[in-house]
């Protein structure tokens, strides 16, 4: 099948936690991986097996919300706030 069909089949699911793309052409694998709707996509391997510990772990669609690990994981526990003061101190 075509590259377009592979992406369509991969994304035709209610889940999107993890995916893998296997190919001898790394440029094509990267192009396809960028189109796959999953939180982690491995090229020629399973993402969990090769991802650094500080790499964010997330899911898409019905595979959950939020992030784990890395700076993105810590950001979910904080709320940014702006303080603006019109007068001079």
C-alpha atoms as a PDB file:
ATOM      1  CA  UNK A   1       0.000   0.000   0.000  1.00  0.00           C
ATOM      2  CA  UNK A   2       0.892   3.646  -0.186  1.00  0.00           C
ATOM      3  CA  UNK A   3       2.408   5.871   2.479  1.00  0.00           C
ATOM      4  CA  UNK A   4      -0.863   7.822   2.600  1.00  0.00           C
ATOM      5  CA  UNK A   5      -2.848   4.617   3.178  1.00  0.00           C
ATOM      6  CA  UNK A   6      -0.482   3.523   5.973  1.00  0.00           C
ATOM      7  CA  UNK A   7      -1.017   6.837   7.783  1.00  0.00           C
ATOM      8  CA  UNK A   8      -4.793   6.612   7.274  1.00  0.00           C
ATOM      9  CA  UNK A   9      -4.918   3.082   8.688  1.00  0.00           C
ATOM     10  CA  UNK A  10      -2.719   4.030  11.643  1.00  0.00           C
ATOM     11  CA  UNK A  11      -4.882   7.013  12.550  1.00  0.00           C
ATOM     12  CA  UNK A  12      -8.183   5.164  12.044  1.00  0.00           C
ATOM     13  CA  UNK A  13      -8.485   4.196  15.706  1.00  0.00           C
ATOM     14  CA  UNK A  14      -9.880   5.755  18.851  1.00  0.00           C
ATOM     15  CA  UNK A  15      -6.536   5.314  20.618  1.00  0.00           C
ATOM     16  CA  UNK A  16      -3.151   6.962  20.234  1.00  0.00           C
ATOM     17  CA  UNK A  17      -0.740   6.074  23.018  1.00  0.00           C
ATOM     18  CA  UNK A  18       2.166   4.619  21.068  1.00  0.00           C
ATOM     19  CA  UNK A  19       3.043   3.560  17.527  1.00  0.00           C
ATOM     20  CA  UNK A  20       6.007   2.295  15.528  1.00  0.00           C
ATOM     21  CA  UNK A  21       7.069   2.783  11.922  1.00  0.00           C
ATOM     22  CA  UNK A  22       9.412   0.211  10.379  1.00  0.00           C
ATOM     23  CA  UNK A  23      11.284   1.053   7.202  1.00  0.00           C
ATOM     24  CA  UNK A  24      14.704   0.985   5.547  1.00  0.00           C
ATOM     25  CA  UNK A  25      14.195   4.615   4.470  1.00  0.00           C
ATOM     26  CA  UNK A  26      14.639   6.784   7.601  1.00  0.00           C
ATOM     27  CA  UNK A  27      13.495   9.963   5.799  1.00  0.00           C
ATOM     28  CA  UNK A  28      10.241   8.253   4.823  1.00  0.00           C
ATOM     29  CA  UNK A  29       9.867   6.825   8.339  1.00  0.00           C
ATOM     30  CA  UNK A  30      10.275  10.286   9.839  1.00  0.00           C
ATOM     31  CA  UNK A  31       7.753  11.759   7.411  1.00  0.00           C
ATOM     32  CA  UNK A  32       5.206   9.054   8.243  1.00  0.00           C
ATOM     33  CA  UNK A  33       5.883   9.219  12.006  1.00  0.00           C
ATOM     34  CA  UNK A  34       5.129  12.956  12.028  1.00  0.00           C
ATOM     35  CA  UNK A  35       1.670  12.232  10.590  1.00  0.00           C
ATOM     36  CA  UNK A  36       0.759   9.409  12.990  1.00  0.00           C
ATOM     37  CA  UNK A  37      -1.543  10.623  15.763  1.00  0.00           C
ATOM     38  CA  UNK A  38       0.087   9.001  18.781  1.00  0.00           C
ATOM     39  CA  UNK A  39       1.860  10.352  21.835  1.00  0.00           C
ATOM     40  CA  UNK A  40       5.069   8.483  21.052  1.00  0.00           C
ATOM     41  CA  UNK A  41       6.156   7.137  17.682  1.00  0.00           C
ATOM     42  CA  UNK A  42       9.242   5.001  17.284  1.00  0.00           C
ATOM     43  CA  UNK A  43      11.100   4.517  14.025  1.00  0.00           C
ATOM     44  CA  UNK A  44      12.394   0.951  13.669  1.00  0.00           C
ATOM     45  CA  UNK A  45      11.811   0.275  17.378  1.00  0.00           C
ATOM     46  CA  UNK A  46       9.250   0.501  20.174  1.00  0.00           C
ATOM     47  CA  UNK A  47       9.281   4.070  21.621  1.00  0.00           C
ATOM     48  CA  UNK A  48       9.432   2.999  25.270  1.00  0.00           C
ATOM     49  CA  UNK A  49      12.487   0.839  24.619  1.00  0.00           C
ATOM     50  CA  UNK A  50      14.570   3.660  23.147  1.00  0.00           C
ATOM     51  CA  UNK A  51      13.202   6.928  24.587  1.00  0.00           C
ATOM     52  CA  UNK A  52      15.354   8.817  27.121  1.00  0.00           C
ATOM     53  CA  UNK A  53      13.923   8.920  30.664  1.00  0.00           C
ATOM     54  CA  UNK A  54      13.325  12.684  30.429  1.00  0.00           C
ATOM     55  CA  UNK A  55      11.326  12.330  27.205  1.00  0.00           C
ATOM     56  CA  UNK A  56       7.667  13.386  27.744  1.00  0.00           C
ATOM     57  CA  UNK A  57       5.189  10.500  27.818  1.00  0.00           C
ATOM     58  CA  UNK A  58       1.751  11.438  26.541  1.00  0.00           C
ATOM     59  CA  UNK A  59      -1.279   9.974  24.838  1.00  0.00           C
ATOM     60  CA  UNK A  60      -3.649  11.204  22.155  1.00  0.00           C
ATOM     61  CA  UNK A  61      -7.331  10.599  21.524  1.00  0.00           C
ATOM     62  CA  UNK A  62      -8.775   7.938  23.871  1.00  0.00           C
ATOM     63  CA  UNK A  63      -5.361   7.017  25.273  1.00  0.00           C
ATOM     64  CA  UNK A  64      -5.424   9.585  28.028  1.00  0.00           C
ATOM     65  CA  UNK A  65      -4.734  13.168  28.798  1.00  0.00           C
ATOM     66  CA  UNK A  66      -1.739  14.868  30.338  1.00  0.00           C
ATOM     67  CA  UNK A  67       1.972  14.230  30.226  1.00  0.00           C
ATOM     68  CA  UNK A  68       4.456  12.234  32.248  1.00  0.00           C
ATOM     69  CA  UNK A  69       8.212  12.697  32.538  1.00  0.00           C
ATOM     70  CA  UNK A  70      10.369  15.534  31.348  1.00  0.00           C
ATOM     71  CA  UNK A  71       9.624  19.226  31.745  1.00  0.00           C
ATOM     72  CA  UNK A  72       6.217  18.816  30.093  1.00  0.00           C
ATOM     73  CA  UNK A  73       5.278  16.342  32.805  1.00  0.00           C
ATOM     74  CA  UNK A  74       6.127  18.826  35.560  1.00  0.00           C
ATOM     75  CA  UNK A  75       4.324  21.719  33.842  1.00  0.00           C
ATOM     76  CA  UNK A  76       0.948  20.048  34.318  1.00  0.00           C
ATOM     77  CA  UNK A  77       1.309  20.562  38.075  1.00  0.00           C
ATOM     78  CA  UNK A  78       1.783  24.321  37.768  1.00  0.00           C
ATOM     79  CA  UNK A  79      -0.431  27.190  36.737  1.00  0.00           C
ATOM     80  CA  UNK A  80       1.192  30.235  35.165  1.00  0.00           C
ATOM     81  CA  UNK A  81       0.191  33.608  36.555  1.00  0.00           C
ATOM     82  CA  UNK A  82       0.910  37.161  35.439  1.00  0.00           C
ATOM     83  CA  UNK A  83       1.174  39.947  38.007  1.00  0.00           C
ATOM     84  CA  UNK A  84       0.840  43.450  36.596  1.00  0.00           C
ATOM     85  CA  UNK A  85       1.272  46.613  38.658  1.00  0.00           C
ATOM     86  CA  UNK A  86       0.510  50.029  37.190  1.00  0.00           C
ATOM     87  CA  UNK A  87       2.124  52.066  39.982  1.00  0.00           C
ATOM     88  CA  UNK A  88       5.829  52.494  40.629  1.00  0.00           C
ATOM     89  CA  UNK A  89       7.227  51.103  43.845  1.00  0.00           C
END
